Amino acid sequence: MSIPQYFNEYTAIKGYGPVHTSARWFNDMVNVPFSSEPFVASVVAFFLDNTLHKKDSSIRKDRGKHWWDKFRSFKGDTRSEEFYSLPFNLNKYFPSV
């Protein structure tokens, strides 16, 4: 990908990254991740995965979204009450939403 290549070549030539402010911690926080090919590829994949064909039912099924639909609300599954209950019968003082 060209973004990490740009960041790496810029750093090799100038001695510092494209983001160059007076706060070195901020420079490192931006320059280091964008110099990494896996990070940039993950960001692009995440963006495309969540924007393209979002409403298509076959893509929702392929991504496993149909499985999560029943867990979108607390009352969607009967096991929620048991799973999220507090220990020592504290649910009567702090009820679930």
PDB file of N, CA and C in Angstrom:
ATOM      1  N   MET A   1       0.846  -1.171   0.000  1.00  0.00           N
ATOM      2  CA  MET A   1       0.000   0.000   0.000  1.00  0.00           C
ATOM      3  C   MET A   1       0.894   1.237   0.000  1.00  0.00           C
ATOM      4  N   SER A   2       0.398   2.291  -0.565  1.00  0.00           N
ATOM      5  CA  SER A   2       1.237   3.468  -0.746  1.00  0.00           C
ATOM      6  C   SER A   2       1.346   4.337   0.503  1.00  0.00           C
ATOM      7  N   ILE A   3       0.398   4.267   1.426  1.00  0.00           N
ATOM      8  CA  ILE A   3       0.461   5.116   2.624  1.00  0.00           C
ATOM      9  C   ILE A   3       1.651   4.737   3.507  1.00  0.00           C
ATOM     10  N   PRO A   4       1.840   3.463   3.868  1.00  0.00           N
ATOM     11  CA  PRO A   4       3.020   3.119   4.670  1.00  0.00           C
ATOM     12  C   PRO A   4       4.329   3.402   3.936  1.00  0.00           C
ATOM     13  N   GLN A   5       4.330   3.193   2.628  1.00  0.00           N
ATOM     14  CA  GLN A   5       5.537   3.475   1.855  1.00  0.00           C
ATOM     15  C   GLN A   5       5.865   4.965   1.923  1.00  0.00           C
ATOM     16  N   TYR A   6       4.852   5.814   1.802  1.00  0.00           N
ATOM     17  CA  TYR A   6       5.059   7.259   1.900  1.00  0.00           C
ATOM     18  C   TYR A   6       5.615   7.628   3.274  1.00  0.00           C
ATOM     19  N   PHE A   7       5.005   7.102   4.338  1.00  0.00           N
ATOM     20  CA  PHE A   7       5.457   7.425   5.693  1.00  0.00           C
ATOM     21  C   PHE A   7       6.892   6.953   5.913  1.00  0.00           C
ATOM     22  N   ASN A   8       7.218   5.738   5.454  1.00  0.00           N
ATOM     23  CA  ASN A   8       8.571   5.201   5.653  1.00  0.00           C
ATOM     24  C   ASN A   8       9.614   5.962   4.844  1.00  0.00           C
ATOM     25  N   GLU A   9       9.317   6.288   3.592  1.00  0.00           N
ATOM     26  CA  GLU A   9      10.273   7.031   2.770  1.00  0.00           C
ATOM     27  C   GLU A   9      10.459   8.460   3.287  1.00  0.00           C
ATOM     28  N   TYR A  10       9.393   9.087   3.718  1.00  0.00           N
ATOM     29  CA  TYR A  10       9.480  10.439   4.267  1.00  0.00           C
ATOM     30  C   TYR A  10      10.371  10.442   5.506  1.00  0.00           C
ATOM     31  N   THR A  11      10.182   9.437   6.368  1.00  0.00           N
ATOM     32  CA  THR A  11      10.992   9.340   7.584  1.00  0.00           C
ATOM     33  C   THR A  11      12.456   9.076   7.249  1.00  0.00           C
ATOM     34  N   ALA A  12      12.720   8.244   6.244  1.00  0.00           N
ATOM     35  CA  ALA A  12      14.098   7.937   5.859  1.00  0.00           C
ATOM     36  C   ALA A  12      14.805   9.169   5.295  1.00  0.00           C
ATOM     37  N   ILE A  13      14.097   9.992   4.556  1.00  0.00           N
ATOM     38  CA  ILE A  13      14.711  11.167   3.930  1.00  0.00           C
ATOM     39  C   ILE A  13      14.860  12.327   4.911  1.00  0.00           C
ATOM     40  N   LYS A  14      13.790  12.669   5.622  1.00  0.00           N
ATOM     41  CA  LYS A  14      13.785  13.845   6.493  1.00  0.00           C
ATOM     42  C   LYS A  14      14.298  13.575   7.903  1.00  0.00           C
ATOM     43  N   GLY A  15      14.217  12.334   8.354  1.00  0.00           N
ATOM     44  CA  GLY A  15      14.630  12.028   9.717  1.00  0.00           C
ATOM     45  C   GLY A  15      13.490  12.093  10.717  1.00  0.00           C
ATOM     46  N   TYR A  16      12.322  12.504  10.269  1.00  0.00           N
ATOM     47  CA  TYR A  16      11.110  12.517  11.094  1.00  0.00           C
ATOM     48  C   TYR A  16       9.926  12.250  10.171  1.00  0.00           C
ATOM     49  N   GLY A  17       8.806  11.891  10.753  1.00  0.00           N
ATOM     50  CA  GLY A  17       7.638  11.506   9.973  1.00  0.00           C
ATOM     51  C   GLY A  17       6.879  12.680   9.387  1.00  0.00           C
ATOM     52  N   PRO A  18       5.896  12.409   8.533  1.00  0.00           N
ATOM     53  CA  PRO A  18       5.089  13.469   7.927  1.00  0.00           C
ATOM     54  C   PRO A  18       4.325  14.304   8.949  1.00  0.00           C
ATOM     55  N   VAL A  19       3.920  13.689  10.044  1.00  0.00           N
ATOM     56  CA  VAL A  19       3.270  14.444  11.115  1.00  0.00           C
ATOM     57  C   VAL A  19       4.379  14.915  12.040  1.00  0.00           C
ATOM     58  N   HIS A  20       4.616  16.219  12.052  1.00  0.00           N
ATOM     59  CA  HIS A  20       5.746  16.766  12.804  1.00  0.00           C
ATOM     60  C   HIS A  20       5.267  17.994  13.574  1.00  0.00           C
ATOM     61  N   THR A  21       4.902  17.785  14.835  1.00  0.00           N
ATOM     62  CA  THR A  21       4.459  18.874  15.702  1.00  0.00           C
ATOM     63  C   THR A  21       5.457  19.021  16.843  1.00  0.00           C
ATOM     64  N   SER A  22       5.168  19.911  17.765  1.00  0.00           N
ATOM     65  CA  SER A  22       6.062  20.084  18.912  1.00  0.00           C
ATOM     66  C   SER A  22       5.865  18.983  19.950  1.00  0.00           C
ATOM     67  N   ALA A  23       4.789  18.235  19.844  1.00  0.00           N
ATOM     68  CA  ALA A  23       4.524  17.137  20.784  1.00  0.00           C
ATOM     69  C   ALA A  23       4.984  15.827  20.160  1.00  0.00           C
ATOM     70  N   ARG A  24       6.109  15.324  20.628  1.00  0.00           N
ATOM     71  CA  ARG A  24       6.665  14.106  20.045  1.00  0.00           C
ATOM     72  C   ARG A  24       5.763  12.898  20.259  1.00  0.00           C
ATOM     73  N   TRP A  25       5.081  12.842  21.416  1.00  0.00           N
ATOM     74  CA  TRP A  25       4.186  11.720  21.683  1.00  0.00           C
ATOM     75  C   TRP A  25       3.067  11.660  20.646  1.00  0.00           C
ATOM     76  N   PHE A  26       2.569  12.817  20.213  1.00  0.00           N
ATOM     77  CA  PHE A  26       1.522  12.848  19.192  1.00  0.00           C
ATOM     78  C   PHE A  26       2.083  12.421  17.841  1.00  0.00           C
ATOM     79  N   ASN A  27       3.288  12.883  17.521  1.00  0.00           N
ATOM     80  CA  ASN A  27       3.933  12.486  16.269  1.00  0.00           C
ATOM     81  C   ASN A  27       4.059  10.968  16.189  1.00  0.00           C
ATOM     82  N   ASP A  28       4.565  10.364  17.268  1.00  0.00           N
ATOM     83  CA  ASP A  28       4.737   8.911  17.288  1.00  0.00           C
ATOM     84  C   ASP A  28       3.396   8.186  17.220  1.00  0.00           C
ATOM     85  N   MET A  29       2.385   8.754  17.879  1.00  0.00           N
ATOM     86  CA  MET A  29       1.073   8.116  17.916  1.00  0.00           C
ATOM     87  C   MET A  29       0.446   8.061  16.516  1.00  0.00           C
ATOM     88  N   VAL A  30       0.756   8.998  15.657  1.00  0.00           N
ATOM     89  CA  VAL A  30       0.206   9.006  14.304  1.00  0.00           C
ATOM     90  C   VAL A  30       1.166   8.349  13.311  1.00  0.00           C
ATOM     91  N   ASN A  31       2.451   8.668  13.395  1.00  0.00           N
ATOM     92  CA  ASN A  31       3.409   8.170  12.410  1.00  0.00           C
ATOM     93  C   ASN A  31       3.642   6.664  12.489  1.00  0.00           C
ATOM     94  N   VAL A  32       3.723   6.121  13.685  1.00  0.00           N
ATOM     95  CA  VAL A  32       4.033   4.691  13.827  1.00  0.00           C
ATOM     96  C   VAL A  32       2.936   3.801  13.246  1.00  0.00           C
ATOM     97  N   PRO A  33       1.661   3.996  13.602  1.00  0.00           N
ATOM     98  CA  PRO A  33       0.645   3.114  13.012  1.00  0.00           C
ATOM     99  C   PRO A  33       0.529   3.247  11.495  1.00  0.00           C
ATOM    100  N   PHE A  34       0.626   4.475  10.977  1.00  0.00           N
ATOM    101  CA  PHE A  34       0.478   4.644   9.539  1.00  0.00           C
ATOM    102  C   PHE A  34       1.723   4.226   8.761  1.00  0.00           C
ATOM    103  N   SER A  35       2.796   3.883   9.446  1.00  0.00           N
ATOM    104  CA  SER A  35       3.969   3.308   8.796  1.00  0.00           C
ATOM    105  C   SER A  35       3.847   1.796   8.680  1.00  0.00           C
ATOM    106  N   SER A  36       2.822   1.239   9.293  1.00  0.00           N
ATOM    107  CA  SER A  36       2.623  -0.210   9.323  1.00  0.00           C
ATOM    108  C   SER A  36       1.605  -0.634   8.263  1.00  0.00           C
ATOM    109  N   GLU A  37       2.016  -1.519   7.362  1.00  0.00           N
ATOM    110  CA  GLU A  37       1.116  -2.008   6.319  1.00  0.00           C
ATOM    111  C   GLU A  37      -0.091  -2.759   6.882  1.00  0.00           C
ATOM    112  N   PRO A  38       0.090  -3.637   7.885  1.00  0.00           N
ATOM    113  CA  PRO A  38      -1.090  -4.324   8.426  1.00  0.00           C
ATOM    114  C   PRO A  38      -2.110  -3.375   9.049  1.00  0.00           C
ATOM    115  N   PHE A  39      -1.655  -2.319   9.708  1.00  0.00           N
ATOM    116  CA  PHE A  39      -2.582  -1.356  10.313  1.00  0.00           C
ATOM    117  C   PHE A  39      -3.400  -0.643   9.247  1.00  0.00           C
ATOM    118  N   VAL A  40      -2.748  -0.150   8.221  1.00  0.00           N
ATOM    119  CA  VAL A  40      -3.456   0.577   7.161  1.00  0.00           C
ATOM    120  C   VAL A  40      -4.414  -0.358   6.432  1.00  0.00           C
ATOM    121  N   ALA A  41      -3.986  -1.586   6.164  1.00  0.00           N
ATOM    122  CA  ALA A  41      -4.865  -2.557   5.504  1.00  0.00           C
ATOM    123  C   ALA A  41      -6.071  -2.878   6.376  1.00  0.00           C
ATOM    124  N   SER A  42      -5.877  -2.974   7.677  1.00  0.00           N
ATOM    125  CA  SER A  42      -6.992  -3.255   8.591  1.00  0.00           C
ATOM    126  C   SER A  42      -7.982  -2.102   8.631  1.00  0.00           C
ATOM    127  N   VAL A  43      -7.485  -0.877   8.642  1.00  0.00           N
ATOM    128  CA  VAL A  43      -8.371   0.290   8.661  1.00  0.00           C
ATOM    129  C   VAL A  43      -9.190   0.353   7.371  1.00  0.00           C
ATOM    130  N   VAL A  44      -8.548   0.124   6.236  1.00  0.00           N
ATOM    131  CA  VAL A  44      -9.258   0.145   4.957  1.00  0.00           C
ATOM    132  C   VAL A  44     -10.282  -0.986   4.900  1.00  0.00           C
ATOM    133  N   ALA A  45      -9.892  -2.187   5.341  1.00  0.00           N
ATOM    134  CA  ALA A  45     -10.814  -3.326   5.333  1.00  0.00           C
ATOM    135  C   ALA A  45     -11.997  -3.087   6.257  1.00  0.00           C
ATOM    136  N   PHE A  46     -11.750  -2.536   7.433  1.00  0.00           N
ATOM    137  CA  PHE A  46     -12.830  -2.238   8.373  1.00  0.00           C
ATOM    138  C   PHE A  46     -13.806  -1.234   7.772  1.00  0.00           C
ATOM    139  N   PHE A  47     -13.274  -0.197   7.154  1.00  0.00           N
ATOM    140  CA  PHE A  47     -14.123   0.827   6.540  1.00  0.00           C
ATOM    141  C   PHE A  47     -14.975   0.240   5.418  1.00  0.00           C
ATOM    142  N   LEU A  48     -14.349  -0.502   4.525  1.00  0.00           N
ATOM    143  CA  LEU A  48     -15.092  -1.068   3.403  1.00  0.00           C
ATOM    144  C   LEU A  48     -16.097  -2.118   3.862  1.00  0.00           C
ATOM    145  N   ASP A  49     -15.720  -2.906   4.849  1.00  0.00           N
ATOM    146  CA  ASP A  49     -16.598  -3.961   5.345  1.00  0.00           C
ATOM    147  C   ASP A  49     -17.851  -3.394   5.986  1.00  0.00           C
ATOM    148  N   ASN A  50     -17.750  -2.224   6.587  1.00  0.00           N
ATOM    149  CA  ASN A  50     -18.895  -1.638   7.274  1.00  0.00           C
ATOM    150  C   ASN A  50     -19.671  -0.632   6.437  1.00  0.00           C
ATOM    151  N   THR A  51     -19.242  -0.371   5.216  1.00  0.00           N
ATOM    152  CA  THR A  51     -19.958   0.602   4.396  1.00  0.00           C
ATOM    153  C   THR A  51     -20.547   0.009   3.124  1.00  0.00           C
ATOM    154  N   LEU A  52     -19.874  -0.927   2.488  1.00  0.00           N
ATOM    155  CA  LEU A  52     -20.357  -1.455   1.219  1.00  0.00           C
ATOM    156  C   LEU A  52     -21.449  -2.494   1.419  1.00  0.00           C
ATOM    157  N   HIS A  53     -22.537  -2.351   0.712  1.00  0.00           N
ATOM    158  CA  HIS A  53     -23.644  -3.319   0.712  1.00  0.00           C
ATOM    159  C   HIS A  53     -24.114  -3.658   2.117  1.00  0.00           C
ATOM    160  N   LYS A  54     -24.298  -2.652   2.919  1.00  0.00           N
ATOM    161  CA  LYS A  54     -24.650  -2.856   4.323  1.00  0.00           C
ATOM    162  C   LYS A  54     -26.009  -3.522   4.497  1.00  0.00           C
ATOM    163  N   LYS A  55     -26.958  -3.245   3.619  1.00  0.00           N
ATOM    164  CA  LYS A  55     -28.325  -3.748   3.778  1.00  0.00           C
ATOM    165  C   LYS A  55     -28.587  -5.062   3.036  1.00  0.00           C
ATOM    166  N   ASP A  56     -27.664  -5.538   2.229  1.00  0.00           N
ATOM    167  CA  ASP A  56     -27.869  -6.770   1.464  1.00  0.00           C
ATOM    168  C   ASP A  56     -27.930  -7.967   2.409  1.00  0.00           C
ATOM    169  N   SER A  57     -29.008  -8.761   2.326  1.00  0.00           N
ATOM    170  CA  SER A  57     -29.216  -9.860   3.281  1.00  0.00           C
ATOM    171  C   SER A  57     -28.163 -10.955   3.155  1.00  0.00           C
ATOM    172  N   SER A  58     -27.692 -11.238   1.940  1.00  0.00           N
ATOM    173  CA  SER A  58     -26.683 -12.289   1.791  1.00  0.00           C
ATOM    174  C   SER A  58     -25.350 -11.866   2.409  1.00  0.00           C
ATOM    175  N   ILE A  59     -25.028 -10.591   2.337  1.00  0.00           N
ATOM    176  CA  ILE A  59     -23.787 -10.106   2.942  1.00  0.00           C
ATOM    177  C   ILE A  59     -23.917 -10.066   4.458  1.00  0.00           C
ATOM    178  N   ARG A  60     -25.106  -9.678   4.965  1.00  0.00           N
ATOM    179  CA  ARG A  60     -25.337  -9.716   6.418  1.00  0.00           C
ATOM    180  C   ARG A  60     -25.146 -11.131   6.948  1.00  0.00           C
ATOM    181  N   LYS A  61     -25.657 -12.117   6.215  1.00  0.00           N
ATOM    182  CA  LYS A  61     -25.527 -13.512   6.650  1.00  0.00           C
ATOM    183  C   LYS A  61     -24.069 -13.964   6.574  1.00  0.00           C
ATOM    184  N   ASP A  62     -23.372 -13.552   5.520  1.00  0.00           N
ATOM    185  CA  ASP A  62     -21.968 -13.925   5.349  1.00  0.00           C
ATOM    186  C   ASP A  62     -21.103 -13.358   6.468  1.00  0.00           C
ATOM    187  N   ARG A  63     -21.436 -12.161   6.948  1.00  0.00           N
ATOM    188  CA  ARG A  63     -20.671 -11.518   8.020  1.00  0.00           C
ATOM    189  C   ARG A  63     -21.104 -11.966   9.402  1.00  0.00           C
ATOM    190  N   GLY A  64     -22.196 -12.746   9.498  1.00  0.00           N
ATOM    191  CA  GLY A  64     -22.663 -13.238  10.785  1.00  0.00           C
ATOM    192  C   GLY A  64     -23.557 -12.269  11.522  1.00  0.00           C
ATOM    193  N   LYS A  65     -24.017 -11.223  10.845  1.00  0.00           N
ATOM    194  CA  LYS A  65     -24.860 -10.222  11.504  1.00  0.00           C
ATOM    195  C   LYS A  65     -26.203 -10.803  11.934  1.00  0.00           C
ATOM    196  N   HIS A  66     -26.731 -11.765  11.169  1.00  0.00           N
ATOM    197  CA  HIS A  66     -28.027 -12.344  11.520  1.00  0.00           C
ATOM    198  C   HIS A  66     -27.969 -13.053  12.869  1.00  0.00           C
ATOM    199  N   TRP A  67     -26.817 -13.598  13.210  1.00  0.00           N
ATOM    200  CA  TRP A  67     -26.662 -14.305  14.479  1.00  0.00           C
ATOM    201  C   TRP A  67     -26.704 -13.335  15.653  1.00  0.00           C
ATOM    202  N   TRP A  68     -26.182 -12.118  15.461  1.00  0.00           N
ATOM    203  CA  TRP A  68     -26.127 -11.126  16.534  1.00  0.00           C
ATOM    204  C   TRP A  68     -27.437 -10.381  16.728  1.00  0.00           C
ATOM    205  N   ASP A  69     -28.371 -10.484  15.785  1.00  0.00           N
ATOM    206  CA  ASP A  69     -29.627  -9.729  15.887  1.00  0.00           C
ATOM    207  C   ASP A  69     -30.382 -10.021  17.175  1.00  0.00           C
ATOM    208  N   LYS A  70     -30.386 -11.272  17.624  1.00  0.00           N
ATOM    209  CA  LYS A  70     -31.134 -11.605  18.838  1.00  0.00           C
ATOM    210  C   LYS A  70     -30.486 -11.033  20.097  1.00  0.00           C
ATOM    211  N   PHE A  71     -29.226 -10.642  20.034  1.00  0.00           N
ATOM    212  CA  PHE A  71     -28.527 -10.095  21.197  1.00  0.00           C
ATOM    213  C   PHE A  71     -28.486  -8.565  21.206  1.00  0.00           C
ATOM    214  N   ARG A  72     -29.150  -7.918  20.263  1.00  0.00           N
ATOM    215  CA  ARG A  72     -29.129  -6.453  20.200  1.00  0.00           C
ATOM    216  C   ARG A  72     -29.865  -5.817  21.364  1.00  0.00           C
ATOM    217  N   SER A  73     -30.817  -6.522  21.939  1.00  0.00           N
ATOM    218  CA  SER A  73     -31.493  -6.004  23.124  1.00  0.00           C
ATOM    219  C   SER A  73     -31.369  -7.029  24.249  1.00  0.00           C
ATOM    220  N   PHE A  74     -31.481  -6.549  25.463  1.00  0.00           N
ATOM    221  CA  PHE A  74     -31.310  -7.411  26.637  1.00  0.00           C
ATOM    222  C   PHE A  74     -32.377  -8.493  26.685  1.00  0.00           C
ATOM    223  N   LYS A  75     -33.579  -8.157  26.265  1.00  0.00           N
ATOM    224  CA  LYS A  75     -34.689  -9.104  26.336  1.00  0.00           C
ATOM    225  C   LYS A  75     -34.765 -10.010  25.110  1.00  0.00           C
ATOM    226  N   GLY A  76     -33.825  -9.891  24.174  1.00  0.00           N
ATOM    227  CA  GLY A  76     -33.847 -10.683  22.949  1.00  0.00           C
ATOM    228  C   GLY A  76     -33.526 -12.146  23.152  1.00  0.00           C
ATOM    229  N   ASP A  77     -32.878 -12.501  24.235  1.00  0.00           N
ATOM    230  CA  ASP A  77     -32.512 -13.889  24.493  1.00  0.00           C
ATOM    231  C   ASP A  77     -32.828 -14.217  25.945  1.00  0.00           C
ATOM    232  N   THR A  78     -33.341 -15.392  26.179  1.00  0.00           N
ATOM    233  CA  THR A  78     -33.723 -15.785  27.540  1.00  0.00           C
ATOM    234  C   THR A  78     -32.506 -15.988  28.433  1.00  0.00           C
ATOM    235  N   ARG A  79     -31.365 -16.245  27.843  1.00  0.00           N
ATOM    236  CA  ARG A  79     -30.156 -16.491  28.637  1.00  0.00           C
ATOM    237  C   ARG A  79     -29.513 -15.213  29.159  1.00  0.00           C
ATOM    238  N   SER A  80     -29.933 -14.047  28.679  1.00  0.00           N
ATOM    239  CA  SER A  80     -29.323 -12.779  29.088  1.00  0.00           C
ATOM    240  C   SER A  80     -29.456 -12.543  30.584  1.00  0.00           C
ATOM    241  N   GLU A  81     -30.640 -12.783  31.119  1.00  0.00           N
ATOM    242  CA  GLU A  81     -30.876 -12.560  32.551  1.00  0.00           C
ATOM    243  C   GLU A  81     -29.930 -13.412  33.392  1.00  0.00           C
ATOM    244  N   GLU A  82     -29.774 -14.666  33.024  1.00  0.00           N
ATOM    245  CA  GLU A  82     -28.895 -15.563  33.782  1.00  0.00           C
ATOM    246  C   GLU A  82     -27.429 -15.166  33.620  1.00  0.00           C
ATOM    247  N   PHE A  83     -27.037 -14.815  32.403  1.00  0.00           N
ATOM    248  CA  PHE A  83     -25.639 -14.516  32.119  1.00  0.00           C
ATOM    249  C   PHE A  83     -25.187 -13.225  32.794  1.00  0.00           C
ATOM    250  N   TYR A  84     -26.034 -12.201  32.773  1.00  0.00           N
ATOM    251  CA  TYR A  84     -25.657 -10.902  33.313  1.00  0.00           C
ATOM    252  C   TYR A  84     -26.099 -10.680  34.752  1.00  0.00           C
ATOM    253  N   SER A  85     -26.590 -11.702  35.413  1.00  0.00           N
ATOM    254  CA  SER A  85     -27.042 -11.532  36.796  1.00  0.00           C
ATOM    255  C   SER A  85     -25.844 -11.335  37.728  1.00  0.00           C
ATOM    256  N   LEU A  86     -26.080 -10.601  38.787  1.00  0.00           N
ATOM    257  CA  LEU A  86     -25.033 -10.311  39.761  1.00  0.00           C
ATOM    258  C   LEU A  86     -24.931 -11.442  40.781  1.00  0.00           C
ATOM    259  N   PRO A  87     -23.760 -11.650  41.354  1.00  0.00           N
ATOM    260  CA  PRO A  87     -23.605 -12.715  42.350  1.00  0.00           C
ATOM    261  C   PRO A  87     -24.298 -12.367  43.671  1.00  0.00           C
ATOM    262  N   PHE A  88     -24.493 -13.366  44.488  1.00  0.00           N
ATOM    263  CA  PHE A  88     -25.057 -13.223  45.841  1.00  0.00           C
ATOM    264  C   PHE A  88     -26.448 -12.583  45.831  1.00  0.00           C
ATOM    265  N   ASN A  89     -27.213 -12.853  44.777  1.00  0.00           N
ATOM    266  CA  ASN A  89     -28.600 -12.391  44.679  1.00  0.00           C
ATOM    267  C   ASN A  89     -28.720 -10.860  44.777  1.00  0.00           C
ATOM    268  N   LEU A  90     -27.723 -10.150  44.270  1.00  0.00           N
ATOM    269  CA  LEU A  90     -27.746  -8.684  44.292  1.00  0.00           C
ATOM    270  C   LEU A  90     -28.683  -8.094  43.239  1.00  0.00           C
ATOM    271  N   ASN A  91     -29.242  -8.938  42.368  1.00  0.00           N
ATOM    272  CA  ASN A  91     -30.152  -8.436  41.335  1.00  0.00           C
ATOM    273  C   ASN A  91     -31.390  -7.775  41.914  1.00  0.00           C
ATOM    274  N   LYS A  92     -31.820  -8.199  43.092  1.00  0.00           N
ATOM    275  CA  LYS A  92     -33.023  -7.574  43.653  1.00  0.00           C
ATOM    276  C   LYS A  92     -32.748  -6.135  44.097  1.00  0.00           C
ATOM    277  N   TYR A  93     -31.489  -5.784  44.360  1.00  0.00           N
ATOM    278  CA  TYR A  93     -31.127  -4.410  44.728  1.00  0.00           C
ATOM    279  C   TYR A  93     -30.675  -3.588  43.515  1.00  0.00           C
ATOM    280  N   PHE A  94     -30.077  -4.266  42.543  1.00  0.00           N
ATOM    281  CA  PHE A  94     -29.586  -3.624  41.320  1.00  0.00           C
ATOM    282  C   PHE A  94     -30.154  -4.373  40.119  1.00  0.00           C
ATOM    283  N   PRO A  95     -31.393  -4.101  39.726  1.00  0.00           N
ATOM    284  CA  PRO A  95     -32.018  -4.859  38.636  1.00  0.00           C
ATOM    285  C   PRO A  95     -31.370  -4.552  37.287  1.00  0.00           C
ATOM    286  N   SER A  96     -31.461  -5.525  36.382  1.00  0.00           N
ATOM    287  CA  SER A  96     -30.939  -5.353  35.027  1.00  0.00           C
ATOM    288  C   SER A  96     -31.821  -4.397  34.252  1.00  0.00           C
ATOM    289  N   VAL A  97     -31.249  -3.793  33.260  1.00  0.00           N
ATOM    290  CA  VAL A  97     -31.991  -2.817  32.450  1.00  0.00           C
ATOM    291  C   VAL A  97     -33.002  -3.506  31.581  1.00  0.00           C
TER     292      VAL A  97
END
